[in-house]
Amino acid sequence: MSNLSLQTKCNTFCYCTGTLFNQKHAVRFKKSTSLQCPLFQQADSALDILSGCQHDILSGMITEHHNIACRLIMKAISKAL
C-alpha cells in the first residue's frame, strides 16, 4: 500500500469510514438541497463515486475512451510485429 498516492489513501480511508463527500453529506452540511447527482439527477452515493457513474451518457464516454486506448495499443503492437 506504500506505493499508493496520498489522495488514494485518503479516499480509501474516507470510504471505509463513511465520510467520503457525496450528495448525502452535501445535504447534511447544507451545501445542497437534493440527494440526487447534480449532473444526471439520479441517486448519488460513495459507491457511485468510486465505481464510476453508471449514467448512460457518462458510461458511454468511458467505454469510448477505453475503446480508443485499446485501438491505439493494438496499432502499436501491430507496428512492432
PDB file of N, CA and C in Angstrom:
ATOM      1  N   MET A   1       0.825  -1.189   0.000  1.00  0.00           N
ATOM      2  CA  MET A   1       0.000   0.000   0.000  1.00  0.00           C
ATOM      3  C   MET A   1       0.874   1.260   0.000  1.00  0.00           C
ATOM      4  N   SER A   2       2.170   1.101   0.204  1.00  0.00           N
ATOM      5  CA  SER A   2       3.043   2.266   0.282  1.00  0.00           C
ATOM      6  C   SER A   2       3.226   2.952  -1.062  1.00  0.00           C
ATOM      7  N   ASN A   3       2.957   2.263  -2.171  1.00  0.00           N
ATOM      8  CA  ASN A   3       3.121   2.892  -3.481  1.00  0.00           C
ATOM      9  C   ASN A   3       1.871   3.648  -3.934  1.00  0.00           C
ATOM     10  N   LEU A   4       0.848   3.708  -3.104  1.00  0.00           N
ATOM     11  CA  LEU A   4      -0.366   4.455  -3.427  1.00  0.00           C
ATOM     12  C   LEU A   4      -0.160   5.929  -3.095  1.00  0.00           C
ATOM     13  N   SER A   5      -0.804   6.784  -3.876  1.00  0.00           N
ATOM     14  CA  SER A   5      -0.705   8.218  -3.607  1.00  0.00           C
ATOM     15  C   SER A   5      -1.445   8.567  -2.316  1.00  0.00           C
ATOM     16  N   LEU A   6      -1.080   9.699  -1.754  1.00  0.00           N
ATOM     17  CA  LEU A   6      -1.745  10.156  -0.533  1.00  0.00           C
ATOM     18  C   LEU A   6      -3.240  10.372  -0.771  1.00  0.00           C
ATOM     19  N   GLN A   7      -3.598  10.906  -1.949  1.00  0.00           N
ATOM     20  CA  GLN A   7      -5.009  11.137  -2.269  1.00  0.00           C
ATOM     21  C   GLN A   7      -5.786   9.819  -2.295  1.00  0.00           C
ATOM     22  N   THR A   8      -5.186   8.776  -2.876  1.00  0.00           N
ATOM     23  CA  THR A   8      -5.836   7.462  -2.922  1.00  0.00           C
ATOM     24  C   THR A   8      -6.015   6.905  -1.520  1.00  0.00           C
ATOM     25  N   LYS A   9      -5.002   7.045  -0.692  1.00  0.00           N
ATOM     26  CA  LYS A   9      -5.102   6.575   0.690  1.00  0.00           C
ATOM     27  C   LYS A   9      -6.193   7.331   1.449  1.00  0.00           C
ATOM     28  N   CYS A  10      -6.254   8.644   1.254  1.00  0.00           N
ATOM     29  CA  CYS A  10      -7.282   9.455   1.926  1.00  0.00           C
ATOM     30  C   CYS A  10      -8.681   9.069   1.467  1.00  0.00           C
ATOM     31  N   ASN A  11      -8.855   8.874   0.154  1.00  0.00           N
ATOM     32  CA  ASN A  11     -10.165   8.465  -0.370  1.00  0.00           C
ATOM     33  C   ASN A  11     -10.574   7.101   0.166  1.00  0.00           C
ATOM     34  N   THR A  12      -9.621   6.172   0.247  1.00  0.00           N
ATOM     35  CA  THR A  12      -9.908   4.841   0.782  1.00  0.00           C
ATOM     36  C   THR A  12     -10.338   4.936   2.234  1.00  0.00           C
ATOM     37  N   PHE A  13      -9.607   5.718   3.012  1.00  0.00           N
ATOM     38  CA  PHE A  13      -9.949   5.903   4.421  1.00  0.00           C
ATOM     39  C   PHE A  13     -11.340   6.518   4.570  1.00  0.00           C
ATOM     40  N   CYS A  14     -11.613   7.568   3.774  1.00  0.00           N
ATOM     41  CA  CYS A  14     -12.926   8.227   3.846  1.00  0.00           C
ATOM     42  C   CYS A  14     -14.050   7.277   3.457  1.00  0.00           C
ATOM     43  N   TYR A  15     -13.823   6.441   2.436  1.00  0.00           N
ATOM     44  CA  TYR A  15     -14.856   5.488   2.028  1.00  0.00           C
ATOM     45  C   TYR A  15     -15.109   4.480   3.150  1.00  0.00           C
ATOM     46  N   CYS A  16     -14.044   3.952   3.731  1.00  0.00           N
ATOM     47  CA  CYS A  16     -14.183   2.941   4.787  1.00  0.00           C
ATOM     48  C   CYS A  16     -14.855   3.495   6.036  1.00  0.00           C
ATOM     49  N   THR A  17     -14.668   4.765   6.293  1.00  0.00           N
ATOM     50  CA  THR A  17     -15.266   5.367   7.496  1.00  0.00           C
ATOM     51  C   THR A  17     -16.598   6.059   7.218  1.00  0.00           C
ATOM     52  N   GLY A  18     -17.037   6.017   5.945  1.00  0.00           N
ATOM     53  CA  GLY A  18     -18.325   6.623   5.610  1.00  0.00           C
ATOM     54  C   GLY A  18     -18.289   8.130   5.536  1.00  0.00           C
ATOM     55  N   THR A  19     -17.120   8.710   5.313  1.00  0.00           N
ATOM     56  CA  THR A  19     -17.010  10.161   5.278  1.00  0.00           C
ATOM     57  C   THR A  19     -16.629  10.703   3.900  1.00  0.00           C
ATOM     58  N   LEU A  20     -16.663   9.868   2.858  1.00  0.00           N
ATOM     59  CA  LEU A  20     -16.388  10.340   1.503  1.00  0.00           C
ATOM     60  C   LEU A  20     -17.512  11.281   1.084  1.00  0.00           C
ATOM     61  N   PHE A  21     -17.163  12.512   0.723  1.00  0.00           N
ATOM     62  CA  PHE A  21     -18.167  13.542   0.463  1.00  0.00           C
ATOM     63  C   PHE A  21     -19.011  13.177  -0.759  1.00  0.00           C
ATOM     64  N   ASN A  22     -20.316  13.094  -0.553  1.00  0.00           N
ATOM     65  CA  ASN A  22     -21.270  12.838  -1.637  1.00  0.00           C
ATOM     66  C   ASN A  22     -22.499  13.719  -1.393  1.00  0.00           C
ATOM     67  N   GLN A  23     -23.536  13.525  -2.181  1.00  0.00           N
ATOM     68  CA  GLN A  23     -24.732  14.373  -2.054  1.00  0.00           C
ATOM     69  C   GLN A  23     -25.391  14.230  -0.695  1.00  0.00           C
ATOM     70  N   LYS A  24     -25.322  13.044  -0.100  1.00  0.00           N
ATOM     71  CA  LYS A  24     -25.897  12.845   1.232  1.00  0.00           C
ATOM     72  C   LYS A  24     -25.217  13.779   2.236  1.00  0.00           C
ATOM     73  N   HIS A  25     -23.888  13.862   2.131  1.00  0.00           N
ATOM     74  CA  HIS A  25     -23.161  14.771   3.015  1.00  0.00           C
ATOM     75  C   HIS A  25     -23.420  16.232   2.649  1.00  0.00           C
ATOM     76  N   ALA A  26     -23.540  16.517   1.361  1.00  0.00           N
ATOM     77  CA  ALA A  26     -23.804  17.891   0.925  1.00  0.00           C
ATOM     78  C   ALA A  26     -25.122  18.397   1.519  1.00  0.00           C
ATOM     79  N   VAL A  27     -26.137  17.545   1.532  1.00  0.00           N
ATOM     80  CA  VAL A  27     -27.428  17.928   2.123  1.00  0.00           C
ATOM     81  C   VAL A  27     -27.273  18.087   3.638  1.00  0.00           C
ATOM     82  N   ARG A  28     -26.582  17.158   4.253  1.00  0.00           N
ATOM     83  CA  ARG A  28     -26.401  17.218   5.713  1.00  0.00           C
ATOM     84  C   ARG A  28     -25.686  18.497   6.132  1.00  0.00           C
ATOM     85  N   PHE A  29     -24.685  18.921   5.345  1.00  0.00           N
ATOM     86  CA  PHE A  29     -23.909  20.116   5.689  1.00  0.00           C
ATOM     87  C   PHE A  29     -24.441  21.382   5.013  1.00  0.00           C
ATOM     88  N   LYS A  30     -25.675  21.270   4.488  1.00  0.00           N
ATOM     89  CA  LYS A  30     -26.390  22.404   3.889  1.00  0.00           C
ATOM     90  C   LYS A  30     -25.649  23.032   2.694  1.00  0.00           C
ATOM     91  N   LYS A  31     -24.954  22.184   1.925  1.00  0.00           N
ATOM     92  CA  LYS A  31     -24.299  22.634   0.698  1.00  0.00           C
ATOM     93  C   LYS A  31     -25.185  22.354  -0.519  1.00  0.00           C
ATOM     94  N   SER A  32     -26.239  21.560  -0.320  1.00  0.00           N
ATOM     95  CA  SER A  32     -27.176  21.213  -1.387  1.00  0.00           C
ATOM     96  C   SER A  32     -28.521  20.887  -0.757  1.00  0.00           C
ATOM     97  N   THR A  33     -29.553  20.916  -1.581  1.00  0.00           N
ATOM     98  CA  THR A  33     -30.881  20.562  -1.086  1.00  0.00           C
ATOM     99  C   THR A  33     -31.390  19.259  -1.684  1.00  0.00           C
ATOM    100  N   SER A  34     -30.618  18.652  -2.563  1.00  0.00           N
ATOM    101  CA  SER A  34     -31.066  17.443  -3.256  1.00  0.00           C
ATOM    102  C   SER A  34     -30.091  16.296  -3.030  1.00  0.00           C
ATOM    103  N   LEU A  35     -30.630  15.096  -2.854  1.00  0.00           N
ATOM    104  CA  LEU A  35     -29.810  13.902  -2.727  1.00  0.00           C
ATOM    105  C   LEU A  35     -29.409  13.335  -4.095  1.00  0.00           C
ATOM    106  N   GLN A  36     -29.942  13.927  -5.152  1.00  0.00           N
ATOM    107  CA  GLN A  36     -29.671  13.430  -6.499  1.00  0.00           C
ATOM    108  C   GLN A  36     -28.329  13.939  -7.017  1.00  0.00           C
ATOM    109  N   CYS A  37     -27.708  13.152  -7.909  1.00  0.00           N
ATOM    110  CA  CYS A  37     -26.469  13.558  -8.569  1.00  0.00           C
ATOM    111  C   CYS A  37     -26.704  14.880  -9.295  1.00  0.00           C
ATOM    112  N   PRO A  38     -25.859  15.877  -9.090  1.00  0.00           N
ATOM    113  CA  PRO A  38     -26.092  17.171  -9.732  1.00  0.00           C
ATOM    114  C   PRO A  38     -25.961  17.134 -11.250  1.00  0.00           C
ATOM    115  N   LEU A  39     -25.268  16.138 -11.790  1.00  0.00           N
ATOM    116  CA  LEU A  39     -25.107  16.047 -13.245  1.00  0.00           C
ATOM    117  C   LEU A  39     -26.272  15.344 -13.921  1.00  0.00           C
ATOM    118  N   PHE A  40     -26.746  14.236 -13.331  1.00  0.00           N
ATOM    119  CA  PHE A  40     -27.719  13.397 -14.023  1.00  0.00           C
ATOM    120  C   PHE A  40     -29.010  13.155 -13.255  1.00  0.00           C
ATOM    121  N   GLN A  41     -29.148  13.781 -12.102  1.00  0.00           N
ATOM    122  CA  GLN A  41     -30.375  13.693 -11.302  1.00  0.00           C
ATOM    123  C   GLN A  41     -30.772  12.247 -10.975  1.00  0.00           C
ATOM    124  N   GLN A  42     -29.781  11.439 -10.653  1.00  0.00           N
ATOM    125  CA  GLN A  42     -30.027  10.078 -10.182  1.00  0.00           C
ATOM    126  C   GLN A  42     -29.433   9.952  -8.786  1.00  0.00           C
ATOM    127  N   ALA A  43     -29.742   8.841  -8.108  1.00  0.00           N
ATOM    128  CA  ALA A  43     -29.241   8.632  -6.757  1.00  0.00           C
ATOM    129  C   ALA A  43     -27.719   8.720  -6.737  1.00  0.00           C
ATOM    130  N   ASP A  44     -27.180   9.333  -5.697  1.00  0.00           N
ATOM    131  CA  ASP A  44     -25.740   9.512  -5.556  1.00  0.00           C
ATOM    132  C   ASP A  44     -25.281   8.845  -4.269  1.00  0.00           C
ATOM    133  N   SER A  45     -24.160   8.160  -4.328  1.00  0.00           N
ATOM    134  CA  SER A  45     -23.610   7.519  -3.136  1.00  0.00           C
ATOM    135  C   SER A  45     -22.101   7.415  -3.271  1.00  0.00           C
ATOM    136  N   ALA A  46     -21.448   7.031  -2.187  1.00  0.00           N
ATOM    137  CA  ALA A  46     -19.991   6.850  -2.222  1.00  0.00           C
ATOM    138  C   ALA A  46     -19.627   5.733  -3.192  1.00  0.00           C
ATOM    139  N   LEU A  47     -20.447   4.695  -3.255  1.00  0.00           N
ATOM    140  CA  LEU A  47     -20.174   3.590  -4.185  1.00  0.00           C
ATOM    141  C   LEU A  47     -20.217   4.076  -5.632  1.00  0.00           C
ATOM    142  N   ASP A  48     -21.167   4.948  -5.964  1.00  0.00           N
ATOM    143  CA  ASP A  48     -21.226   5.514  -7.311  1.00  0.00           C
ATOM    144  C   ASP A  48     -19.963   6.304  -7.632  1.00  0.00           C
ATOM    145  N   ILE A  49     -19.467   7.035  -6.645  1.00  0.00           N
ATOM    146  CA  ILE A  49     -18.265   7.840  -6.850  1.00  0.00           C
ATOM    147  C   ILE A  49     -17.071   6.933  -7.144  1.00  0.00           C
ATOM    148  N   LEU A  50     -16.919   5.868  -6.366  1.00  0.00           N
ATOM    149  CA  LEU A  50     -15.755   5.004  -6.527  1.00  0.00           C
ATOM    150  C   LEU A  50     -15.854   4.078  -7.735  1.00  0.00           C
ATOM    151  N   SER A  51     -17.043   3.610  -8.041  1.00  0.00           N
ATOM    152  CA  SER A  51     -17.178   2.665  -9.150  1.00  0.00           C
ATOM    153  C   SER A  51     -17.402   3.367 -10.478  1.00  0.00           C
ATOM    154  N   GLY A  52     -17.638   4.647 -10.460  1.00  0.00           N
ATOM    155  CA  GLY A  52     -17.887   5.386 -11.694  1.00  0.00           C
ATOM    156  C   GLY A  52     -19.377   5.501 -11.929  1.00  0.00           C
ATOM    157  N   CYS A  53     -19.783   6.656 -12.357  1.00  0.00           N
ATOM    158  CA  CYS A  53     -21.201   6.907 -12.597  1.00  0.00           C
ATOM    159  C   CYS A  53     -21.708   5.959 -13.673  1.00  0.00           C
ATOM    160  N   GLN A  54     -22.865   5.383 -13.463  1.00  0.00           N
ATOM    161  CA  GLN A  54     -23.424   4.416 -14.404  1.00  0.00           C
ATOM    162  C   GLN A  54     -24.449   5.043 -15.348  1.00  0.00           C
ATOM    163  N   HIS A  55     -24.533   6.364 -15.370  1.00  0.00           N
ATOM    164  CA  HIS A  55     -25.459   7.024 -16.286  1.00  0.00           C
ATOM    165  C   HIS A  55     -25.056   6.698 -17.722  1.00  0.00           C
ATOM    166  N   ASP A  56     -26.037   6.543 -18.603  1.00  0.00           N
ATOM    167  CA  ASP A  56     -25.784   6.124 -19.979  1.00  0.00           C
ATOM    168  C   ASP A  56     -24.776   7.009 -20.706  1.00  0.00           C
ATOM    169  N   ILE A  57     -24.900   8.319 -20.556  1.00  0.00           N
ATOM    170  CA  ILE A  57     -24.007   9.236 -21.262  1.00  0.00           C
ATOM    171  C   ILE A  57     -22.572   9.085 -20.772  1.00  0.00           C
ATOM    172  N   LEU A  58     -22.381   9.162 -19.459  1.00  0.00           N
ATOM    173  CA  LEU A  58     -21.030   9.069 -18.911  1.00  0.00           C
ATOM    174  C   LEU A  58     -20.448   7.681 -19.118  1.00  0.00           C
ATOM    175  N   SER A  59     -21.260   6.655 -18.937  1.00  0.00           N
ATOM    176  CA  SER A  59     -20.800   5.286 -19.159  1.00  0.00           C
ATOM    177  C   SER A  59     -20.347   5.097 -20.599  1.00  0.00           C
ATOM    178  N   GLY A  60     -21.095   5.669 -21.544  1.00  0.00           N
ATOM    179  CA  GLY A  60     -20.709   5.587 -22.955  1.00  0.00           C
ATOM    180  C   GLY A  60     -19.411   6.314 -23.234  1.00  0.00           C
ATOM    181  N   MET A  61     -19.196   7.444 -22.562  1.00  0.00           N
ATOM    182  CA  MET A  61     -17.952   8.189 -22.735  1.00  0.00           C
ATOM    183  C   MET A  61     -16.766   7.381 -22.208  1.00  0.00           C
ATOM    184  N   ILE A  62     -16.951   6.720 -21.077  1.00  0.00           N
ATOM    185  CA  ILE A  62     -15.879   5.899 -20.505  1.00  0.00           C
ATOM    186  C   ILE A  62     -15.582   4.725 -21.427  1.00  0.00           C
ATOM    187  N   THR A  63     -16.625   4.089 -21.957  1.00  0.00           N
ATOM    188  CA  THR A  63     -16.441   2.972 -22.886  1.00  0.00           C
ATOM    189  C   THR A  63     -15.703   3.417 -24.136  1.00  0.00           C
ATOM    190  N   GLU A  64     -16.066   4.561 -24.677  1.00  0.00           N
ATOM    191  CA  GLU A  64     -15.395   5.073 -25.878  1.00  0.00           C
ATOM    192  C   GLU A  64     -13.926   5.380 -25.584  1.00  0.00           C
ATOM    193  N   HIS A  65     -13.646   5.958 -24.432  1.00  0.00           N
ATOM    194  CA  HIS A  65     -12.259   6.243 -24.035  1.00  0.00           C
ATOM    195  C   HIS A  65     -11.469   4.939 -23.972  1.00  0.00           C
ATOM    196  N   HIS A  66     -12.056   3.906 -23.402  1.00  0.00           N
ATOM    197  CA  HIS A  66     -11.424   2.589 -23.306  1.00  0.00           C
ATOM    198  C   HIS A  66     -11.172   2.019 -24.694  1.00  0.00           C
ATOM    199  N   ASN A  67     -12.156   2.127 -25.569  1.00  0.00           N
ATOM    200  CA  ASN A  67     -12.017   1.595 -26.924  1.00  0.00           C
ATOM    201  C   ASN A  67     -10.913   2.301 -27.696  1.00  0.00           C
ATOM    202  N   ILE A  68     -10.810   3.609 -27.553  1.00  0.00           N
ATOM    203  CA  ILE A  68      -9.748   4.363 -28.225  1.00  0.00           C
ATOM    204  C   ILE A  68      -8.385   3.898 -27.723  1.00  0.00           C
ATOM    205  N   ALA A  69      -8.267   3.738 -26.425  1.00  0.00           N
ATOM    206  CA  ALA A  69      -6.996   3.278 -25.850  1.00  0.00           C
ATOM    207  C   ALA A  69      -6.634   1.893 -26.379  1.00  0.00           C
ATOM    208  N   CYS A  70      -7.610   1.005 -26.448  1.00  0.00           N
ATOM    209  CA  CYS A  70      -7.355  -0.347 -26.964  1.00  0.00           C
ATOM    210  C   CYS A  70      -6.923  -0.310 -28.427  1.00  0.00           C
ATOM    211  N   ARG A  71      -7.572   0.532 -29.227  1.00  0.00           N
ATOM    212  CA  ARG A  71      -7.184   0.635 -30.645  1.00  0.00           C
ATOM    213  C   ARG A  71      -5.761   1.151 -30.785  1.00  0.00           C
ATOM    214  N   LEU A  72      -5.372   2.125 -29.972  1.00  0.00           N
ATOM    215  CA  LEU A  72      -4.003   2.647 -30.015  1.00  0.00           C
ATOM    216  C   LEU A  72      -2.986   1.573 -29.624  1.00  0.00           C
ATOM    217  N   ILE A  73      -3.305   0.798 -28.611  1.00  0.00           N
ATOM    218  CA  ILE A  73      -2.415  -0.284 -28.180  1.00  0.00           C
ATOM    219  C   ILE A  73      -2.290  -1.338 -29.273  1.00  0.00           C
ATOM    220  N   MET A  74      -3.420  -1.717 -29.866  1.00  0.00           N
ATOM    221  CA  MET A  74      -3.394  -2.718 -30.946  1.00  0.00           C
ATOM    222  C   MET A  74      -2.585  -2.215 -32.140  1.00  0.00           C
ATOM    223  N   LYS A  75      -2.713  -0.944 -32.465  1.00  0.00           N
ATOM    224  CA  LYS A  75      -1.975  -0.354 -33.581  1.00  0.00           C
ATOM    225  C   LYS A  75      -0.473  -0.385 -33.296  1.00  0.00           C
ATOM    226  N   ALA A  76      -0.099  -0.033 -32.063  1.00  0.00           N
ATOM    227  CA  ALA A  76       1.320  -0.042 -31.681  1.00  0.00           C
ATOM    228  C   ALA A  76       1.886  -1.469 -31.719  1.00  0.00           C
ATOM    229  N   ILE A  77       1.119  -2.427 -31.262  1.00  0.00           N
ATOM    230  CA  ILE A  77       1.574  -3.831 -31.280  1.00  0.00           C
ATOM    231  C   ILE A  77       1.735  -4.321 -32.715  1.00  0.00           C
ATOM    232  N   SER A  78       0.771  -3.994 -33.564  1.00  0.00           N
ATOM    233  CA  SER A  78       0.844  -4.453 -34.959  1.00  0.00           C
ATOM    234  C   SER A  78       2.032  -3.827 -35.696  1.00  0.00           C
ATOM    235  N   LYS A  79       2.403  -2.594 -35.361  1.00  0.00           N
ATOM    236  CA  LYS A  79       3.576  -1.955 -35.971  1.00  0.00           C
ATOM    237  C   LYS A  79       4.861  -2.633 -35.496  1.00  0.00           C
ATOM    238  N   ALA A  80       4.875  -3.105 -34.243  1.00  0.00           N
ATOM    239  CA  ALA A  80       6.066  -3.730 -33.693  1.00  0.00           C
ATOM    240  C   ALA A  80       6.297  -5.126 -34.280  1.00  0.00           C
ATOM    241  N   LEU A  81       5.242  -5.750 -34.763  1.00  0.00           N
ATOM    242  CA  LEU A  81       5.381  -7.099 -35.342  1.00  0.00           C
ATOM    243  C   LEU A  81       5.861  -6.939 -36.721  1.00  0.00           C
TER     244      LEU A  81
END
